[in-house]
C-alpha atoms as a PDB file:
ATOM      1  CA  MET A   1       6.152  -3.214   1.742  1.00  0.00           C
ATOM      2  CA  ASP A   2       9.628  -4.466   0.891  1.00  0.00           C
ATOM      3  CA  ALA A   3      10.764  -2.189  -1.941  1.00  0.00           C
ATOM      4  CA  VAL A   4       9.776   0.697  -4.191  1.00  0.00           C
ATOM      5  CA  THR A   5      11.031   0.922  -7.792  1.00  0.00           C
ATOM      6  CA  VAL A   6      10.826   4.026  -9.977  1.00  0.00           C
ATOM      7  CA  THR A   7      11.305   3.471 -13.729  1.00  0.00           C
ATOM      8  CA  ILE A   8      11.436   6.107 -16.464  1.00  0.00           C
ATOM      9  CA  LYS A   9      11.104   4.955 -20.092  1.00  0.00           C
ATOM     10  CA  ASP A  10      11.509   6.969 -23.283  1.00  0.00           C
ATOM     11  CA  ALA A  11       8.901   7.110 -26.077  1.00  0.00           C
ATOM     12  CA  ALA A  12      10.337   3.911 -27.631  1.00  0.00           C
ATOM     13  CA  GLY A  13       9.908   2.014 -24.346  1.00  0.00           C
ATOM     14  CA  ASN A  14      13.602   1.928 -23.429  1.00  0.00           C
ATOM     15  CA  ILE A  15      14.481   2.256 -19.743  1.00  0.00           C
ATOM     16  CA  VAL A  16      16.482   5.466 -19.355  1.00  0.00           C
ATOM     17  CA  GLN A  17      16.502   5.691 -15.547  1.00  0.00           C
ATOM     18  CA  GLU A  18      15.597   3.183 -12.851  1.00  0.00           C
ATOM     19  CA  ALA A  19      16.192   2.936  -9.114  1.00  0.00           C
ATOM     20  CA  THR A  20      14.986   0.692  -6.311  1.00  0.00           C
ATOM     21  CA  GLY A  21      14.909   1.558  -2.629  1.00  0.00           C
ATOM     22  CA  ARG A  22      14.211  -0.835   0.199  1.00  0.00           C
ATOM     23  CA  THR A  23      11.661   0.287   2.724  1.00  0.00           C
ATOM     24  CA  VAL A  24      11.600   0.204   6.495  1.00  0.00           C
ATOM     25  CA  ARG A  25       8.397   0.411   8.499  1.00  0.00           C
ATOM     26  CA  HIS A  26       8.288   2.709  11.494  1.00  0.00           C
ATOM     27  CA  VAL A  27       5.352   2.508  13.905  1.00  0.00           C
ATOM     28  CA  ASN A  28       4.535   5.440  16.148  1.00  0.00           C
ATOM     29  CA  SER A  29       2.187   4.508  18.976  1.00  0.00           C
ATOM     30  CA  SER A  30       0.060   6.405  21.445  1.00  0.00           C
ATOM     31  CA  ARG A  31      -2.694   5.268  23.760  1.00  0.00           C
ATOM     32  CA  GLU A  32      -5.389   6.004  21.204  1.00  0.00           C
ATOM     33  CA  PHE A  33      -3.948   5.216  17.757  1.00  0.00           C
ATOM     34  CA  LYS A  34      -1.052   3.758  15.778  1.00  0.00           C
ATOM     35  CA  LEU A  35       0.471   5.477  12.765  1.00  0.00           C
ATOM     36  CA  GLN A  36       2.516   3.463  10.271  1.00  0.00           C
ATOM     37  CA  GLN A  37       5.008   5.244   8.046  1.00  0.00           C
ATOM     38  CA  PHE A  38       7.104   3.794   5.242  1.00  0.00           C
ATOM     39  CA  VAL A  39      10.466   5.317   4.363  1.00  0.00           C
ATOM     40  CA  THR A  40      13.250   4.396   1.978  1.00  0.00           C
ATOM     41  CA  ASP A  41      16.496   3.016   3.355  1.00  0.00           C
ATOM     42  CA  PRO A  42      19.132   4.284   2.815  1.00  0.00           C
ATOM     43  CA  ALA A  43      17.987   7.855   2.439  1.00  0.00           C
ATOM     44  CA  GLY A  44      18.097   8.996  -1.179  1.00  0.00           C
ATOM     45  CA  ALA A  45      18.230   5.449  -2.567  1.00  0.00           C
ATOM     46  CA  ILE A  46      15.660   6.373  -5.199  1.00  0.00           C
ATOM     47  CA  LEU A  47      15.670  10.151  -5.488  1.00  0.00           C
ATOM     48  CA  GLY A  48      19.455  10.255  -5.660  1.00  0.00           C
ATOM     49  CA  LYS A  49      19.412   8.087  -8.812  1.00  0.00           C
ATOM     50  CA  ILE A  50      16.302   9.391 -10.591  1.00  0.00           C
ATOM     51  CA  ASP A  51      16.939  12.789 -12.155  1.00  0.00           C
ATOM     52  CA  PRO A  52      14.389  13.971 -14.750  1.00  0.00           C
ATOM     53  CA  ASN A  53      16.503  17.090 -15.304  1.00  0.00           C
ATOM     54  CA  ALA A  54      19.229  14.897 -16.842  1.00  0.00           C
ATOM     55  CA  LEU A  55      16.876  13.620 -19.566  1.00  0.00           C
ATOM     56  CA  ALA A  56      16.972  14.900 -23.143  1.00  0.00           C
ATOM     57  CA  ALA A  57      13.902  16.685 -24.526  1.00  0.00           C
ATOM     58  CA  GLY A  58      11.099  14.270 -25.389  1.00  0.00           C
ATOM     59  CA  GLN A  59       8.202  12.142 -24.116  1.00  0.00           C
ATOM     60  CA  TYR A  60       8.657   9.837 -21.116  1.00  0.00           C
ATOM     61  CA  LYS A  61       6.651   7.451 -18.967  1.00  0.00           C
ATOM     62  CA  CYS A  62       7.279   7.088 -15.232  1.00  0.00           C
ATOM     63  CA  THR A  63       6.091   4.059 -13.264  1.00  0.00           C
ATOM     64  CA  VAL A  64       6.282   3.583  -9.496  1.00  0.00           C
ATOM     65  CA  VAL A  65       5.930  -0.031  -8.307  1.00  0.00           C
ATOM     66  CA  CYS A  66       5.692  -1.234  -4.699  1.00  0.00           C
ATOM     67  CA  ARG A  67       6.589  -4.822  -3.845  1.00  0.00           C
ATOM     68  CA  LEU A  68       5.340  -6.570  -0.734  1.00  0.00           C
ATOM     69  CA  ASN A  69       7.351  -9.120   1.241  1.00  0.00           C
ATOM     70  CA  GLY A  70       5.316 -11.966  -0.288  1.00  0.00           C
ATOM     71  CA  GLY A  71       6.398 -10.977  -3.805  1.00  0.00           C
ATOM     72  CA  ARG A  72       3.185  -9.259  -4.890  1.00  0.00           C
ATOM     73  CA  GLU A  73       3.630  -6.044  -6.899  1.00  0.00           C
ATOM     74  CA  PHE A  74       1.372  -3.014  -7.177  1.00  0.00           C
ATOM     75  CA  VAL A  75       1.691  -0.080  -9.576  1.00  0.00           C
ATOM     76  CA  VAL A  76       0.972   2.917  -7.400  1.00  0.00           C
ATOM     77  CA  ARG A  77       1.685   5.625  -9.947  1.00  0.00           C
ATOM     78  CA  ASP A  78       1.922   5.528 -13.735  1.00  0.00           C
ATOM     79  CA  PHE A  79       2.111   8.767 -15.750  1.00  0.00           C
ATOM     80  CA  GLU A  80       3.565  10.333 -18.874  1.00  0.00           C
ATOM     81  CA  PHE A  81       5.431  13.612 -19.065  1.00  0.00           C
ATOM     82  CA  THR A  82       7.227  15.826 -21.567  1.00  0.00           C
ATOM     83  CA  LYS A  83      10.646  17.300 -20.936  1.00  0.00           C
END
């Protein structure tokens, strides 16, 4: 995974908040298994810029997209919420 983007749109489809964080892969190894973890770099790259509390009252849609090094994109979370 190369990057994660979080986008929040209002009811009219306008982007009201968006942030992208690069990811770094950490591999923890033991004799019996390997665990891969993905973290954002720098810390807070996404959560420091996305603040649902700053939104006005209304309907919103949040989309989380992961991009792989080869350019392929995957929507990993897509939901609507009311503030």
